[in-house]
């Protein structure tokens, strides 16, 4: 199986990517690195079946391309952190809702499975 993980350079996404690769799946990670870190996926770079892209889930053409290339999308990307949410609540909500809308829209067009799980 081939998986697309949005927010894949975050704590949960990077661990999930590693587990999927360990069992023989392919993984494409997308992260804008606003809260995710390259340190979380550095050890995965170069592994067979692993690919990463730096970018935003708000970029509909990019998300559509990655959804099209995969069997399953796991949407973990979200603006996170109490400080960010308190200081910029409207921007945070807009970011999280719009990004989810973009991912779900791309998946719906191709009737692809999406798993939505966020800690935010």
C-alpha atoms as a PDB file:
ATOM      1  CA  UNK A   1       0.000   0.000   0.000  1.00  0.00           C
ATOM      2  CA  UNK A   2       1.030   3.568  -0.566  1.00  0.00           C
ATOM      3  CA  UNK A   3       0.186   6.156   2.081  1.00  0.00           C
ATOM      4  CA  UNK A   4       0.114   9.950   2.005  1.00  0.00           C
ATOM      5  CA  UNK A   5       0.637  11.454   5.463  1.00  0.00           C
ATOM      6  CA  UNK A   6      -0.066  15.154   5.857  1.00  0.00           C
ATOM      7  CA  UNK A   7       1.817  16.537   8.837  1.00  0.00           C
ATOM      8  CA  UNK A   8       4.240  13.663   8.414  1.00  0.00           C
ATOM      9  CA  UNK A   9       7.219  15.487   9.948  1.00  0.00           C
ATOM     10  CA  UNK A  10       5.371  15.897  13.218  1.00  0.00           C
ATOM     11  CA  UNK A  11       5.765  13.584  16.188  1.00  0.00           C
ATOM     12  CA  UNK A  12       2.873  11.253  15.390  1.00  0.00           C
ATOM     13  CA  UNK A  13       3.242  11.445  11.608  1.00  0.00           C
ATOM     14  CA  UNK A  14       6.940  10.629  11.625  1.00  0.00           C
ATOM     15  CA  UNK A  15       6.444   7.618  13.877  1.00  0.00           C
ATOM     16  CA  UNK A  16       3.552   6.400  11.739  1.00  0.00           C
ATOM     17  CA  UNK A  17       5.643   6.802   8.574  1.00  0.00           C
ATOM     18  CA  UNK A  18       8.437   4.763  10.123  1.00  0.00           C
ATOM     19  CA  UNK A  19       6.043   1.986  11.171  1.00  0.00           C
ATOM     20  CA  UNK A  20       4.448   1.824   7.720  1.00  0.00           C
ATOM     21  CA  UNK A  21       7.860   1.644   6.048  1.00  0.00           C
ATOM     22  CA  UNK A  22       8.940  -1.089   8.468  1.00  0.00           C
ATOM     23  CA  UNK A  23       6.049  -3.258   7.342  1.00  0.00           C
ATOM     24  CA  UNK A  24       6.864  -2.709   3.665  1.00  0.00           C
ATOM     25  CA  UNK A  25       4.482   0.077   2.693  1.00  0.00           C
ATOM     26  CA  UNK A  26       5.413   3.212   0.746  1.00  0.00           C
ATOM     27  CA  UNK A  27       4.929   6.646   2.300  1.00  0.00           C
ATOM     28  CA  UNK A  28       4.770  10.201   1.006  1.00  0.00           C
ATOM     29  CA  UNK A  29       4.983  12.835   3.727  1.00  0.00           C
ATOM     30  CA  UNK A  30       3.859  16.447   3.339  1.00  0.00           C
ATOM     31  CA  UNK A  31       4.698  19.020   5.991  1.00  0.00           C
ATOM     32  CA  UNK A  32       5.140  22.788   6.039  1.00  0.00           C
ATOM     33  CA  UNK A  33       7.481  22.479   9.040  1.00  0.00           C
ATOM     34  CA  UNK A  34       5.516  25.043  11.042  1.00  0.00           C
ATOM     35  CA  UNK A  35       5.450  22.608  13.964  1.00  0.00           C
ATOM     36  CA  UNK A  36       6.919  19.471  12.386  1.00  0.00           C
ATOM     37  CA  UNK A  37      10.691  19.110  12.113  1.00  0.00           C
ATOM     38  CA  UNK A  38      13.076  17.647   9.591  1.00  0.00           C
ATOM     39  CA  UNK A  39      14.845  16.008  12.545  1.00  0.00           C
ATOM     40  CA  UNK A  40      11.790  13.765  12.898  1.00  0.00           C
ATOM     41  CA  UNK A  41      12.158  12.309   9.391  1.00  0.00           C
ATOM     42  CA  UNK A  42      15.904  12.640   8.670  1.00  0.00           C
ATOM     43  CA  UNK A  43      16.436   8.963   9.464  1.00  0.00           C
ATOM     44  CA  UNK A  44      13.756   7.993   6.910  1.00  0.00           C
ATOM     45  CA  UNK A  45      15.279   9.880   3.981  1.00  0.00           C
ATOM     46  CA  UNK A  46      16.841   7.423   1.579  1.00  0.00           C
ATOM     47  CA  UNK A  47      14.773   4.463   2.744  1.00  0.00           C
ATOM     48  CA  UNK A  48      13.062   2.576  -0.062  1.00  0.00           C
ATOM     49  CA  UNK A  49       9.455   3.696  -0.408  1.00  0.00           C
ATOM     50  CA  UNK A  50       9.898   7.015   1.421  1.00  0.00           C
ATOM     51  CA  UNK A  51       9.367  10.418  -0.132  1.00  0.00           C
ATOM     52  CA  UNK A  52       8.799  13.806   1.446  1.00  0.00           C
ATOM     53  CA  UNK A  53       7.620  17.188   0.235  1.00  0.00           C
ATOM     54  CA  UNK A  54       7.862  20.496   2.031  1.00  0.00           C
ATOM     55  CA  UNK A  55       4.592  22.343   1.507  1.00  0.00           C
ATOM     56  CA  UNK A  56       1.167  23.168   2.853  1.00  0.00           C
ATOM     57  CA  UNK A  57      -2.114  21.296   2.858  1.00  0.00           C
ATOM     58  CA  UNK A  58      -3.617  24.596   1.763  1.00  0.00           C
ATOM     59  CA  UNK A  59      -1.898  24.068  -1.618  1.00  0.00           C
ATOM     60  CA  UNK A  60      -4.761  22.280  -3.377  1.00  0.00           C
ATOM     61  CA  UNK A  61      -2.847  21.251  -6.529  1.00  0.00           C
ATOM     62  CA  UNK A  62      -0.045  19.732  -4.444  1.00  0.00           C
ATOM     63  CA  UNK A  63      -2.444  17.901  -2.139  1.00  0.00           C
ATOM     64  CA  UNK A  64      -4.429  16.624  -5.130  1.00  0.00           C
ATOM     65  CA  UNK A  65      -1.251  15.268  -6.731  1.00  0.00           C
ATOM     66  CA  UNK A  66      -0.223  13.436  -3.551  1.00  0.00           C
ATOM     67  CA  UNK A  67      -3.702  12.040  -2.887  1.00  0.00           C
ATOM     68  CA  UNK A  68      -3.838  10.781  -6.489  1.00  0.00           C
ATOM     69  CA  UNK A  69      -0.520   8.959  -6.062  1.00  0.00           C
ATOM     70  CA  UNK A  70      -1.551   7.077  -2.923  1.00  0.00           C
ATOM     71  CA  UNK A  71      -4.067   4.482  -1.820  1.00  0.00           C
ATOM     72  CA  UNK A  72      -4.798   6.001   1.595  1.00  0.00           C
ATOM     73  CA  UNK A  73      -4.442   9.514   2.998  1.00  0.00           C
ATOM     74  CA  UNK A  74      -3.795  10.024   6.696  1.00  0.00           C
ATOM     75  CA  UNK A  75      -4.489  13.662   7.540  1.00  0.00           C
ATOM     76  CA  UNK A  76      -2.551  14.716  10.628  1.00  0.00           C
ATOM     77  CA  UNK A  77      -1.567  18.253   9.599  1.00  0.00           C
ATOM     78  CA  UNK A  78      -2.872  20.976  11.888  1.00  0.00           C
ATOM     79  CA  UNK A  79      -1.862  24.270  13.442  1.00  0.00           C
ATOM     80  CA  UNK A  80      -1.081  23.185  16.984  1.00  0.00           C
ATOM     81  CA  UNK A  81       0.013  24.567  20.299  1.00  0.00           C
ATOM     82  CA  UNK A  82      -1.853  26.357  23.057  1.00  0.00           C
ATOM     83  CA  UNK A  83       0.103  29.575  22.564  1.00  0.00           C
ATOM     84  CA  UNK A  84      -0.662  29.718  18.825  1.00  0.00           C
ATOM     85  CA  UNK A  85      -4.334  28.927  19.380  1.00  0.00           C
ATOM     86  CA  UNK A  86      -4.695  31.552  22.129  1.00  0.00           C
ATOM     87  CA  UNK A  87      -2.799  34.254  20.223  1.00  0.00           C
ATOM     88  CA  UNK A  88      -4.319  33.558  16.787  1.00  0.00           C
ATOM     89  CA  UNK A  89      -7.562  31.602  17.286  1.00  0.00           C
ATOM     90  CA  UNK A  90      -9.266  32.613  14.044  1.00  0.00           C
ATOM     91  CA  UNK A  91      -6.179  31.953  11.901  1.00  0.00           C
ATOM     92  CA  UNK A  92      -5.660  28.600  13.626  1.00  0.00           C
ATOM     93  CA  UNK A  93      -9.241  27.480  13.068  1.00  0.00           C
ATOM     94  CA  UNK A  94      -9.228  28.683   9.461  1.00  0.00           C
ATOM     95  CA  UNK A  95      -5.961  26.873   8.798  1.00  0.00           C
ATOM     96  CA  UNK A  96      -7.152  23.617  10.320  1.00  0.00           C
ATOM     97  CA  UNK A  97     -10.597  23.667   8.732  1.00  0.00           C
ATOM     98  CA  UNK A  98      -9.453  24.784   5.263  1.00  0.00           C
ATOM     99  CA  UNK A  99      -6.592  22.271   5.147  1.00  0.00           C
ATOM    100  CA  UNK A 100      -8.975  19.478   6.090  1.00  0.00           C
ATOM    101  CA  UNK A 101     -11.404  20.689   3.426  1.00  0.00           C
ATOM    102  CA  UNK A 102      -8.644  20.604   0.786  1.00  0.00           C
ATOM    103  CA  UNK A 103      -7.562  17.072   1.754  1.00  0.00           C
ATOM    104  CA  UNK A 104     -11.103  15.708   1.920  1.00  0.00           C
ATOM    105  CA  UNK A 105     -12.033  17.387  -1.368  1.00  0.00           C
ATOM    106  CA  UNK A 106      -9.075  15.866  -3.191  1.00  0.00           C
ATOM    107  CA  UNK A 107      -9.806  12.429  -1.763  1.00  0.00           C
ATOM    108  CA  UNK A 108     -13.522  12.633  -2.545  1.00  0.00           C
ATOM    109  CA  UNK A 109     -12.835  13.343  -6.222  1.00  0.00           C
ATOM    110  CA  UNK A 110     -10.943  10.056  -6.502  1.00  0.00           C
ATOM    111  CA  UNK A 111     -13.022   8.171  -3.913  1.00  0.00           C
ATOM    112  CA  UNK A 112      -9.913   7.530  -1.803  1.00  0.00           C
ATOM    113  CA  UNK A 113      -9.910   6.522   1.852  1.00  0.00           C
ATOM    114  CA  UNK A 114      -8.963   9.237   4.358  1.00  0.00           C
ATOM    115  CA  UNK A 115      -8.160   8.839   8.022  1.00  0.00           C
ATOM    116  CA  UNK A 116      -8.435  12.123   9.923  1.00  0.00           C
ATOM    117  CA  UNK A 117      -6.716  12.233  13.284  1.00  0.00           C
ATOM    118  CA  UNK A 118      -5.401  15.318  14.979  1.00  0.00           C
ATOM    119  CA  UNK A 119      -4.275  16.242  18.432  1.00  0.00           C
ATOM    120  CA  UNK A 120      -5.446  19.811  17.807  1.00  0.00           C
END
